[in-house]
Structures are given as structure tokens and as C-alpha cells.
Amino acid sequence: MIVPPSAARSAVMRAVKGRDTGPEMLVRRLAHALGYRFRLHRKDLPGNPDLVFPARRKAIFVHGCFWHGHDCARGARMPKANAAYWSAKIARNVARDARVLAELRALGWDPLVLWECELKDRAGLPVRLRQHLGEPTTTLIDR
């Protein structure tokens, strides 16, 4: 039986940020330092990507492993209390994420998902950004 969360749990959930999170800010700072310029949370695109590079038609999502059902240790950990509710919620998030990525691709956009656990690799993150985005058109050295 799925039990909706209590009022106290709902208050805690409302406090969980959906944007400007620590992992998202890390990616934003790095992308900017590498010379990329971007827009944030474009509401006219499916899923409101965290970072949008309009001229390149590229988008980046920074996903929390737990909330988006990643297959890493943190994402695979399910709460013991109200497990059916959380399992269903995360399954809906995973389905929504897949639908959003497909919609973006259908519109001619190239999305990238960066997982919270992947951000620990500080040496590999700039490489992934450059692979996805190509070389920046302006660099900090050019200024």
C-alpha cells in the first residue's frame, strides 16, 4: 500500500531545492571558467535543462543520483520507511527523464546528463564538458 507522506515529510520535501543546487553550481562554475556561455533553466525546452547552450543546441542536466534513480550506490539506496511510495516516485522520475531526453532529441537538441556521483572526478569533468560542447568560442585568454 502506498501511503502519502506526512505533513512533516512534505515540509522537508518542499525545502529540497530543484535548482541552484551544489552539484549544479559546480558544473556552472566549471563551464564558465572553461569559457562557455549558457542560459539557465529554459522553460521553453522540455525538462527545463539546467544549462542550455542555444547556439550549439546542447543542453546539460545535473541529476541527483537518489532523485533520478541512478544505478550507483547512492541512487540504488531506497528509504526503508514508505518504500512503495519512494519506489513509485523514483520510477516516475526515471520515466519522465527518458521522455524529456527523447523530446529534446526530437527537437534537434543534444542533451547530456551529468550525475551527482560523476562530479567527484574533477579531472574528468572538464573533459566530458569539452567532448559534449566542443571548444568554447571565446576563452578567458582571448579577453
C-alpha atoms as a PDB file:
ATOM      1  CA  MET A   1       0.000   0.000   0.000  1.00  0.00           C
ATOM      2  CA  ILE A   2       1.318   3.428  -0.950  1.00  0.00           C
ATOM      3  CA  VAL A   3       0.989   5.953   1.834  1.00  0.00           C
ATOM      4  CA  PRO A   4       1.329   9.654   1.010  1.00  0.00           C
ATOM      5  CA  PRO A   5       3.998  11.410   3.039  1.00  0.00           C
ATOM      6  CA  SER A   6       3.128  13.046   6.341  1.00  0.00           C
ATOM      7  CA  ALA A   7       2.872  16.813   6.745  1.00  0.00           C
ATOM      8  CA  ALA A   8       6.326  16.890   8.356  1.00  0.00           C
ATOM      9  CA  ARG A   9       7.834  14.892   5.493  1.00  0.00           C
ATOM     10  CA  SER A  10       6.101  17.177   2.991  1.00  0.00           C
ATOM     11  CA  ALA A  11       7.670  20.207   4.664  1.00  0.00           C
ATOM     12  CA  VAL A  12      11.106  18.626   4.385  1.00  0.00           C
ATOM     13  CA  MET A  13      10.477  17.756   0.725  1.00  0.00           C
ATOM     14  CA  ARG A  14       9.415  21.331  -0.068  1.00  0.00           C
ATOM     15  CA  ALA A  15      12.766  22.518   1.280  1.00  0.00           C
ATOM     16  CA  VAL A  16      14.693  20.356  -1.232  1.00  0.00           C
ATOM     17  CA  LYS A  17      15.944  22.676  -3.939  1.00  0.00           C
ATOM     18  CA  GLY A  18      15.223  21.924  -7.561  1.00  0.00           C
ATOM     19  CA  ARG A  19      17.685  24.431  -8.970  1.00  0.00           C
ATOM     20  CA  ASP A  20      20.899  26.166  -7.932  1.00  0.00           C
ATOM     21  CA  THR A  21      21.961  23.030  -6.061  1.00  0.00           C
ATOM     22  CA  GLY A  22      25.575  22.417  -5.067  1.00  0.00           C
ATOM     23  CA  PRO A  23      26.250  19.972  -7.933  1.00  0.00           C
ATOM     24  CA  GLU A  24      24.588  22.288 -10.452  1.00  0.00           C
ATOM     25  CA  MET A  25      26.600  25.268  -9.235  1.00  0.00           C
ATOM     26  CA  LEU A  26      29.818  23.244  -9.555  1.00  0.00           C
ATOM     27  CA  VAL A  27      29.067  22.463 -13.210  1.00  0.00           C
ATOM     28  CA  ARG A  28      28.036  26.062 -13.909  1.00  0.00           C
ATOM     29  CA  ARG A  29      31.246  27.466 -12.408  1.00  0.00           C
ATOM     30  CA  LEU A  30      33.402  24.998 -14.310  1.00  0.00           C
ATOM     31  CA  ALA A  31      31.634  25.584 -17.638  1.00  0.00           C
ATOM     32  CA  HIS A  32      32.006  29.322 -17.216  1.00  0.00           C
ATOM     33  CA  ALA A  33      35.680  29.027 -16.238  1.00  0.00           C
ATOM     34  CA  LEU A  34      36.291  26.935 -19.371  1.00  0.00           C
ATOM     35  CA  GLY A  35      34.912  29.787 -21.478  1.00  0.00           C
ATOM     36  CA  TYR A  36      31.403  28.510 -22.212  1.00  0.00           C
ATOM     37  CA  ARG A  37      28.433  30.842 -22.006  1.00  0.00           C
ATOM     38  CA  PHE A  38      24.993  29.470 -21.361  1.00  0.00           C
ATOM     39  CA  ARG A  39      21.428  30.125 -20.298  1.00  0.00           C
ATOM     40  CA  LEU A  40      19.783  28.615 -17.238  1.00  0.00           C
ATOM     41  CA  HIS A  41      16.579  26.590 -16.909  1.00  0.00           C
ATOM     42  CA  ARG A  42      14.940  27.451 -20.224  1.00  0.00           C
ATOM     43  CA  LYS A  43      11.243  26.909 -19.652  1.00  0.00           C
ATOM     44  CA  ASP A  44      10.516  26.646 -23.374  1.00  0.00           C
ATOM     45  CA  LEU A  45      12.512  23.395 -23.613  1.00  0.00           C
ATOM     46  CA  PRO A  46      11.305  20.017 -22.352  1.00  0.00           C
ATOM     47  CA  GLY A  47      12.529  19.355 -18.813  1.00  0.00           C
ATOM     48  CA  ASN A  48      13.905  22.892 -18.264  1.00  0.00           C
ATOM     49  CA  PRO A  49      17.583  21.871 -18.695  1.00  0.00           C
ATOM     50  CA  ASP A  50      19.954  23.167 -16.030  1.00  0.00           C
ATOM     51  CA  LEU A  51      22.375  24.640 -18.588  1.00  0.00           C
ATOM     52  CA  VAL A  52      21.432  25.484 -22.169  1.00  0.00           C
ATOM     53  CA  PHE A  53      23.840  26.390 -24.964  1.00  0.00           C
ATOM     54  CA  PRO A  54      21.441  27.753 -27.621  1.00  0.00           C
ATOM     55  CA  ALA A  55      23.896  28.330 -30.479  1.00  0.00           C
ATOM     56  CA  ARG A  56      25.261  24.803 -30.089  1.00  0.00           C
ATOM     57  CA  ARG A  57      21.787  23.288 -29.484  1.00  0.00           C
ATOM     58  CA  LYS A  58      23.216  21.484 -26.464  1.00  0.00           C
ATOM     59  CA  ALA A  59      21.674  21.055 -23.032  1.00  0.00           C
ATOM     60  CA  ILE A  60      23.000  19.732 -19.746  1.00  0.00           C
ATOM     61  CA  PHE A  61      21.049  18.224 -16.883  1.00  0.00           C
ATOM     62  CA  VAL A  62      22.732  17.796 -13.486  1.00  0.00           C
ATOM     63  CA  HIS A  63      20.863  14.948 -11.811  1.00  0.00           C
ATOM     64  CA  GLY A  64      20.950  13.909  -8.184  1.00  0.00           C
ATOM     65  CA  CYS A  65      21.578  10.165  -8.011  1.00  0.00           C
ATOM     66  CA  PHE A  66      18.827   9.432  -5.467  1.00  0.00           C
ATOM     67  CA  TRP A  67      16.079  11.548  -7.024  1.00  0.00           C
ATOM     68  CA  HIS A  68      16.661  10.347 -10.573  1.00  0.00           C
ATOM     69  CA  GLY A  69      17.316   6.657  -9.853  1.00  0.00           C
ATOM     70  CA  HIS A  70      20.952   6.361 -10.905  1.00  0.00           C
ATOM     71  CA  ASP A  71      22.467   2.874 -10.649  1.00  0.00           C
ATOM     72  CA  CYS A  72      25.301   3.972  -8.350  1.00  0.00           C
ATOM     73  CA  ALA A  73      25.496   3.209  -4.613  1.00  0.00           C
ATOM     74  CA  ARG A  74      23.687   6.393  -3.625  1.00  0.00           C
ATOM     75  CA  GLY A  75      20.999   6.094  -6.277  1.00  0.00           C
ATOM     76  CA  ALA A  76      20.277   2.436  -5.531  1.00  0.00           C
ATOM     77  CA  ARG A  77      19.702   3.116  -1.830  1.00  0.00           C
ATOM     78  CA  MET A  78      15.981   3.105  -1.098  1.00  0.00           C
ATOM     79  CA  PRO A  79      14.448   4.510   2.069  1.00  0.00           C
ATOM     80  CA  LYS A  80      13.138   1.857   4.436  1.00  0.00           C
ATOM     81  CA  ALA A  81      10.133   3.934   5.509  1.00  0.00           C
ATOM     82  CA  ASN A  82       7.333   4.062   2.940  1.00  0.00           C
ATOM     83  CA  ALA A  83       9.398   2.117   0.401  1.00  0.00           C
ATOM     84  CA  ALA A  84       6.496   1.626  -2.011  1.00  0.00           C
ATOM     85  CA  TYR A  85       5.891   5.369  -2.239  1.00  0.00           C
ATOM     86  CA  TRP A  86       9.560   6.143  -2.908  1.00  0.00           C
ATOM     87  CA  SER A  87       9.954   3.336  -5.399  1.00  0.00           C
ATOM     88  CA  ALA A  88       6.954   4.581  -7.385  1.00  0.00           C
ATOM     89  CA  LYS A  89       8.104   8.210  -7.181  1.00  0.00           C
ATOM     90  CA  ILE A  90      11.605   7.476  -8.426  1.00  0.00           C
ATOM     91  CA  ALA A  91      10.236   5.231 -11.191  1.00  0.00           C
ATOM     92  CA  ARG A  92       8.067   8.164 -12.359  1.00  0.00           C
ATOM     93  CA  ASN A  93      11.138  10.434 -12.307  1.00  0.00           C
ATOM     94  CA  VAL A  94      13.142   7.951 -14.393  1.00  0.00           C
ATOM     95  CA  ALA A  95      10.304   7.638 -16.925  1.00  0.00           C
ATOM     96  CA  ARG A  96       9.923  11.435 -17.108  1.00  0.00           C
ATOM     97  CA  ASP A  97      13.688  11.879 -17.614  1.00  0.00           C
ATOM     98  CA  ALA A  98      13.696   9.383 -20.508  1.00  0.00           C
ATOM     99  CA  ARG A  99      10.706  11.125 -22.115  1.00  0.00           C
ATOM    100  CA  VAL A 100      12.340  14.575 -21.744  1.00  0.00           C
ATOM    101  CA  LEU A 101      15.603  13.406 -23.335  1.00  0.00           C
ATOM    102  CA  ALA A 102      13.681  11.884 -26.261  1.00  0.00           C
ATOM    103  CA  GLU A 103      11.679  15.089 -26.735  1.00  0.00           C
ATOM    104  CA  LEU A 104      14.835  17.206 -26.745  1.00  0.00           C
ATOM    105  CA  ARG A 105      16.477  14.941 -29.324  1.00  0.00           C
ATOM    106  CA  ALA A 106      13.343  15.094 -31.483  1.00  0.00           C
ATOM    107  CA  LEU A 107      13.607  18.901 -31.420  1.00  0.00           C
ATOM    108  CA  GLY A 108      17.224  18.711 -32.627  1.00  0.00           C
ATOM    109  CA  TRP A 109      18.930  19.244 -29.266  1.00  0.00           C
ATOM    110  CA  ASP A 110      21.828  17.179 -27.910  1.00  0.00           C
ATOM    111  CA  PRO A 111      21.317  16.620 -24.156  1.00  0.00           C
ATOM    112  CA  LEU A 112      23.900  15.424 -21.648  1.00  0.00           C
ATOM    113  CA  VAL A 113      23.118  14.080 -18.180  1.00  0.00           C
ATOM    114  CA  LEU A 114      25.768  14.600 -15.523  1.00  0.00           C
ATOM    115  CA  TRP A 115      25.173  12.537 -12.400  1.00  0.00           C
ATOM    116  CA  GLU A 116      25.963  13.838  -8.948  1.00  0.00           C
ATOM    117  CA  CYS A 117      28.366  10.934  -8.309  1.00  0.00           C
ATOM    118  CA  GLU A 118      30.293  11.687 -11.531  1.00  0.00           C
ATOM    119  CA  LEU A 119      31.138  15.189 -10.352  1.00  0.00           C
ATOM    120  CA  LYS A 120      33.657  13.754  -7.889  1.00  0.00           C
ATOM    121  CA  ASP A 121      36.016  13.163 -10.836  1.00  0.00           C
ATOM    122  CA  ARG A 122      37.284  16.747 -11.011  1.00  0.00           C
ATOM    123  CA  ALA A 123      39.882  15.907 -13.680  1.00  0.00           C
ATOM    124  CA  GLY A 124      37.416  14.114 -15.949  1.00  0.00           C
ATOM    125  CA  LEU A 125      34.601  16.656 -15.737  1.00  0.00           C
ATOM    126  CA  PRO A 126      36.235  19.324 -17.954  1.00  0.00           C
ATOM    127  CA  VAL A 127      36.999  16.598 -20.499  1.00  0.00           C
ATOM    128  CA  ARG A 128      33.343  15.493 -20.564  1.00  0.00           C
ATOM    129  CA  LEU A 129      32.150  19.063 -20.975  1.00  0.00           C
ATOM    130  CA  ARG A 130      34.544  19.698 -23.865  1.00  0.00           C
ATOM    131  CA  GLN A 131      33.588  16.405 -25.530  1.00  0.00           C
ATOM    132  CA  HIS A 132      29.927  17.303 -25.364  1.00  0.00           C
ATOM    133  CA  LEU A 133      30.163  21.010 -26.159  1.00  0.00           C
ATOM    134  CA  GLY A 134      33.207  21.270 -28.413  1.00  0.00           C
ATOM    135  CA  GLU A 135      35.722  24.030 -27.945  1.00  0.00           C
ATOM    136  CA  PRO A 136      34.454  27.296 -26.479  1.00  0.00           C
ATOM    137  CA  THR A 137      34.129  30.122 -28.970  1.00  0.00           C
ATOM    138  CA  THR A 138      35.651  32.594 -26.551  1.00  0.00           C
ATOM    139  CA  THR A 139      38.216  31.801 -23.951  1.00  0.00           C
ATOM    140  CA  LEU A 140      39.274  33.773 -20.951  1.00  0.00           C
ATOM    141  CA  ILE A 141      42.724  34.190 -22.549  1.00  0.00           C
ATOM    142  CA  ASP A 142      41.187  35.986 -25.560  1.00  0.00           C
ATOM    143  CA  ARG A 143      39.814  38.782 -23.391  1.00  0.00           C
END
